[in-house]
Amino acid sequence: MKKLEFLVFFIAILLISCSDDDSNTSNPLTEIGLIGDWEISGRGINNITSLEELCCETLSFSDDDNKEDFNGSYIFDQNGIITNGIFTVSVENSTITYTTENNNTNIIEFTINNDVLEIWYFDDDNGRNWTTYNKQ
């Protein structure tokens, strides 16, 4: 009888000491589809597509250690010229705030549809400057 009591006690201790499994926690950056590698597919101003040759421009987004926030790191490679830093996504405003390793900050708007990332910003001279990227 003591063996049965010991076994029940041991199983109860095991069940109490088990922690919750955090692997089911959803990652918001993965849910919106931003994490990964992106390659340029288009560029333009307002509704006019640029005729320039598009080559060798990629964006890579990685999550940080906190899988529950909207922060991570990025690498922008344009013809071998690399800029990297951290980013924060605001889902409410559909914006990405980039901060370079030199502490320069830029805010752009974005959408993601069918593995196509479109980013844009407005300037006083040209209007809406946009770039599209396909997920790799």
C-alpha atoms as a PDB file:
ATOM      1  CA  MET A   1       0.000   0.000   0.000  1.00  0.00           C
ATOM      2  CA  LYS A   2       2.867   2.379   0.760  1.00  0.00           C
ATOM      3  CA  LYS A   3       4.228   1.820  -2.772  1.00  0.00           C
ATOM      4  CA  LEU A   4       0.889   2.878  -4.249  1.00  0.00           C
ATOM      5  CA  GLU A   5       0.779   6.001  -2.054  1.00  0.00           C
ATOM      6  CA  PHE A   6       4.351   6.824  -3.019  1.00  0.00           C
ATOM      7  CA  LEU A   7       3.530   6.370  -6.731  1.00  0.00           C
ATOM      8  CA  VAL A   8       0.473   8.652  -6.491  1.00  0.00           C
ATOM      9  CA  PHE A   9       2.524  11.244  -4.573  1.00  0.00           C
ATOM     10  CA  PHE A  10       5.346  11.042  -7.152  1.00  0.00           C
ATOM     11  CA  ILE A  11       2.954  11.482 -10.099  1.00  0.00           C
ATOM     12  CA  ALA A  12       1.269  14.442  -8.366  1.00  0.00           C
ATOM     13  CA  ILE A  13       4.646  16.123  -7.831  1.00  0.00           C
ATOM     14  CA  LEU A  14       5.554  15.580 -11.501  1.00  0.00           C
ATOM     15  CA  LEU A  15       2.292  17.103 -12.691  1.00  0.00           C
ATOM     16  CA  ILE A  16       2.638  20.125 -10.417  1.00  0.00           C
ATOM     17  CA  SER A  17       6.263  20.773 -11.374  1.00  0.00           C
ATOM     18  CA  CYS A  18       5.643  20.734 -15.128  1.00  0.00           C
ATOM     19  CA  SER A  19       5.717  24.191 -16.656  1.00  0.00           C
ATOM     20  CA  ASP A  20       3.449  25.408 -19.397  1.00  0.00           C
ATOM     21  CA  ASP A  21       4.723  24.743 -22.911  1.00  0.00           C
ATOM     22  CA  ASP A  22       5.435  28.105 -24.552  1.00  0.00           C
ATOM     23  CA  SER A  23       5.954  26.589 -28.002  1.00  0.00           C
ATOM     24  CA  ASN A  24       2.305  27.259 -28.833  1.00  0.00           C
ATOM     25  CA  THR A  25       2.696  30.991 -28.261  1.00  0.00           C
ATOM     26  CA  SER A  26       2.104  32.722 -31.547  1.00  0.00           C
ATOM     27  CA  ASN A  27       4.781  34.991 -32.949  1.00  0.00           C
ATOM     28  CA  PRO A  28       3.146  38.173 -34.294  1.00  0.00           C
ATOM     29  CA  LEU A  29       5.911  38.863 -36.839  1.00  0.00           C
ATOM     30  CA  THR A  30       5.538  35.369 -38.262  1.00  0.00           C
ATOM     31  CA  GLU A  31       1.752  35.727 -38.303  1.00  0.00           C
ATOM     32  CA  ILE A  32       1.863  38.895 -40.412  1.00  0.00           C
ATOM     33  CA  GLY A  33       4.384  37.209 -42.729  1.00  0.00           C
ATOM     34  CA  LEU A  34       7.321  39.607 -42.390  1.00  0.00           C
ATOM     35  CA  ILE A  35      10.040  37.258 -41.103  1.00  0.00           C
ATOM     36  CA  GLY A  36      12.255  35.913 -43.885  1.00  0.00           C
ATOM     37  CA  ASP A  37      14.136  36.970 -46.989  1.00  0.00           C
ATOM     38  CA  TRP A  38      12.693  39.290 -49.648  1.00  0.00           C
ATOM     39  CA  GLU A  39      13.991  40.127 -53.131  1.00  0.00           C
ATOM     40  CA  ILE A  40      13.100  43.282 -55.066  1.00  0.00           C
ATOM     41  CA  SER A  41      10.454  42.885 -57.762  1.00  0.00           C
ATOM     42  CA  GLY A  42       9.351  46.454 -58.549  1.00  0.00           C
ATOM     43  CA  ARG A  43       9.838  50.122 -57.819  1.00  0.00           C
ATOM     44  CA  GLY A  44       8.138  53.348 -58.763  1.00  0.00           C
ATOM     45  CA  ILE A  45       6.777  56.738 -57.881  1.00  0.00           C
ATOM     46  CA  ASN A  46       3.058  57.284 -57.485  1.00  0.00           C
ATOM     47  CA  ASN A  47       1.430  54.969 -60.066  1.00  0.00           C
ATOM     48  CA  ILE A  48       4.372  54.934 -62.474  1.00  0.00           C
ATOM     49  CA  THR A  49       6.659  51.904 -62.491  1.00  0.00           C
ATOM     50  CA  SER A  50      10.359  52.591 -62.855  1.00  0.00           C
ATOM     51  CA  LEU A  51      12.059  51.245 -65.979  1.00  0.00           C
ATOM     52  CA  GLU A  52      15.384  50.763 -64.205  1.00  0.00           C
ATOM     53  CA  GLU A  53      16.859  47.280 -64.114  1.00  0.00           C
ATOM     54  CA  LEU A  54      16.081  45.678 -60.773  1.00  0.00           C
ATOM     55  CA  CYS A  55      18.909  43.595 -59.471  1.00  0.00           C
ATOM     56  CA  CYS A  56      20.661  42.595 -56.371  1.00  0.00           C
ATOM     57  CA  GLU A  57      18.468  44.180 -53.704  1.00  0.00           C
ATOM     58  CA  THR A  58      17.247  42.133 -50.773  1.00  0.00           C
ATOM     59  CA  LEU A  59      15.680  42.668 -47.373  1.00  0.00           C
ATOM     60  CA  SER A  60      15.968  40.097 -44.594  1.00  0.00           C
ATOM     61  CA  PHE A  61      13.912  40.292 -41.411  1.00  0.00           C
ATOM     62  CA  SER A  62      14.725  38.229 -38.308  1.00  0.00           C
ATOM     63  CA  ASP A  63      12.926  38.029 -34.993  1.00  0.00           C
ATOM     64  CA  ASP A  64      14.609  39.005 -31.745  1.00  0.00           C
ATOM     65  CA  ASP A  65      14.766  36.925 -28.563  1.00  0.00           C
ATOM     66  CA  ASN A  66      11.263  37.973 -27.481  1.00  0.00           C
ATOM     67  CA  LYS A  67       8.964  35.988 -29.762  1.00  0.00           C
ATOM     68  CA  GLU A  68       5.873  37.846 -28.531  1.00  0.00           C
ATOM     69  CA  ASP A  69       6.759  41.394 -29.605  1.00  0.00           C
ATOM     70  CA  PHE A  70       6.960  43.270 -32.897  1.00  0.00           C
ATOM     71  CA  ASN A  71      10.727  43.911 -32.814  1.00  0.00           C
ATOM     72  CA  GLY A  72      13.575  42.296 -34.680  1.00  0.00           C
ATOM     73  CA  SER A  73      16.649  42.896 -36.786  1.00  0.00           C
ATOM     74  CA  TYR A  74      17.018  43.503 -40.498  1.00  0.00           C
ATOM     75  CA  ILE A  75      19.661  43.432 -43.210  1.00  0.00           C
ATOM     76  CA  PHE A  76      19.230  45.522 -46.370  1.00  0.00           C
ATOM     77  CA  ASP A  77      21.583  44.593 -49.209  1.00  0.00           C
ATOM     78  CA  GLN A  78      21.593  46.862 -52.257  1.00  0.00           C
ATOM     79  CA  ASN A  79      24.232  45.771 -54.775  1.00  0.00           C
ATOM     80  CA  GLY A  80      26.576  44.675 -51.997  1.00  0.00           C
ATOM     81  CA  ILE A  81      26.105  47.788 -49.878  1.00  0.00           C
ATOM     82  CA  ILE A  82      24.720  46.476 -46.611  1.00  0.00           C
ATOM     83  CA  THR A  83      22.727  48.381 -44.029  1.00  0.00           C
ATOM     84  CA  ASN A  84      21.516  46.642 -40.916  1.00  0.00           C
ATOM     85  CA  GLY A  85      19.873  47.439 -37.650  1.00  0.00           C
ATOM     86  CA  ILE A  86      16.680  46.872 -35.730  1.00  0.00           C
ATOM     87  CA  PHE A  87      13.038  47.378 -36.620  1.00  0.00           C
ATOM     88  CA  THR A  88       9.668  47.711 -34.931  1.00  0.00           C
ATOM     89  CA  VAL A  89       6.340  47.003 -36.608  1.00  0.00           C
ATOM     90  CA  SER A  90       3.168  48.905 -35.794  1.00  0.00           C
ATOM     91  CA  VAL A  91       0.291  46.777 -37.047  1.00  0.00           C
ATOM     92  CA  GLU A  92      -2.218  49.504 -36.164  1.00  0.00           C
ATOM     93  CA  ASN A  93      -0.456  52.052 -38.396  1.00  0.00           C
ATOM     94  CA  SER A  94       0.905  49.526 -40.946  1.00  0.00           C
ATOM     95  CA  THR A  95       4.399  50.944 -40.462  1.00  0.00           C
ATOM     96  CA  ILE A  96       7.900  49.629 -39.980  1.00  0.00           C
ATOM     97  CA  THR A  97      10.340  51.818 -38.049  1.00  0.00           C
ATOM     98  CA  TYR A  98      13.943  51.096 -39.030  1.00  0.00           C
ATOM     99  CA  THR A  99      16.842  52.135 -36.830  1.00  0.00           C
ATOM    100  CA  THR A 100      20.255  51.682 -38.429  1.00  0.00           C
ATOM    101  CA  GLU A 101      23.386  50.741 -36.560  1.00  0.00           C
ATOM    102  CA  ASN A 102      24.261  54.487 -36.739  1.00  0.00           C
ATOM    103  CA  ASN A 103      20.953  55.334 -34.973  1.00  0.00           C
ATOM    104  CA  ASN A 104      19.311  56.847 -38.066  1.00  0.00           C
ATOM    105  CA  THR A 105      15.563  56.221 -37.993  1.00  0.00           C
ATOM    106  CA  ASN A 106      13.168  55.872 -40.938  1.00  0.00           C
ATOM    107  CA  ILE A 107       9.470  55.063 -40.889  1.00  0.00           C
ATOM    108  CA  ILE A 108       7.797  53.447 -43.898  1.00  0.00           C
ATOM    109  CA  GLU A 109       4.333  52.080 -44.526  1.00  0.00           C
ATOM    110  CA  PHE A 110       3.857  48.490 -45.672  1.00  0.00           C
ATOM    111  CA  THR A 111       1.458  45.785 -46.808  1.00  0.00           C
ATOM    112  CA  ILE A 112       1.978  42.051 -47.278  1.00  0.00           C
ATOM    113  CA  ASN A 113      -0.251  40.129 -49.695  1.00  0.00           C
ATOM    114  CA  ASN A 114       0.435  36.692 -51.187  1.00  0.00           C
ATOM    115  CA  ASP A 115       4.153  36.766 -50.300  1.00  0.00           C
ATOM    116  CA  VAL A 116       4.579  40.249 -51.788  1.00  0.00           C
ATOM    117  CA  LEU A 117       5.842  42.978 -49.485  1.00  0.00           C
ATOM    118  CA  GLU A 118       5.160  46.540 -50.592  1.00  0.00           C
ATOM    119  CA  ILE A 119       6.831  49.379 -48.729  1.00  0.00           C
ATOM    120  CA  TRP A 120       6.396  53.096 -49.385  1.00  0.00           C
ATOM    121  CA  TYR A 121       7.007  56.574 -48.086  1.00  0.00           C
ATOM    122  CA  PHE A 122       5.956  60.044 -49.189  1.00  0.00           C
ATOM    123  CA  ASP A 123       8.267  62.907 -50.028  1.00  0.00           C
ATOM    124  CA  ASP A 124       7.448  66.502 -50.942  1.00  0.00           C
ATOM    125  CA  ASP A 125       9.112  66.387 -54.360  1.00  0.00           C
ATOM    126  CA  ASN A 126       7.851  63.137 -55.865  1.00  0.00           C
ATOM    127  CA  GLY A 127       4.889  61.900 -53.850  1.00  0.00           C
ATOM    128  CA  ARG A 128       4.554  58.219 -53.037  1.00  0.00           C
ATOM    129  CA  ASN A 129       7.808  56.254 -53.504  1.00  0.00           C
ATOM    130  CA  TRP A 130       7.171  52.508 -53.431  1.00  0.00           C
ATOM    131  CA  THR A 131       9.127  49.254 -53.709  1.00  0.00           C
ATOM    132  CA  THR A 132       7.827  45.695 -53.899  1.00  0.00           C
ATOM    133  CA  TYR A 133       9.653  42.553 -52.803  1.00  0.00           C
ATOM    134  CA  ASN A 134       8.852  38.865 -53.322  1.00  0.00           C
ATOM    135  CA  LYS A 135       9.386  36.434 -50.466  1.00  0.00           C
ATOM    136  CA  GLN A 136      12.198  33.971 -51.124  1.00  0.00           C
END
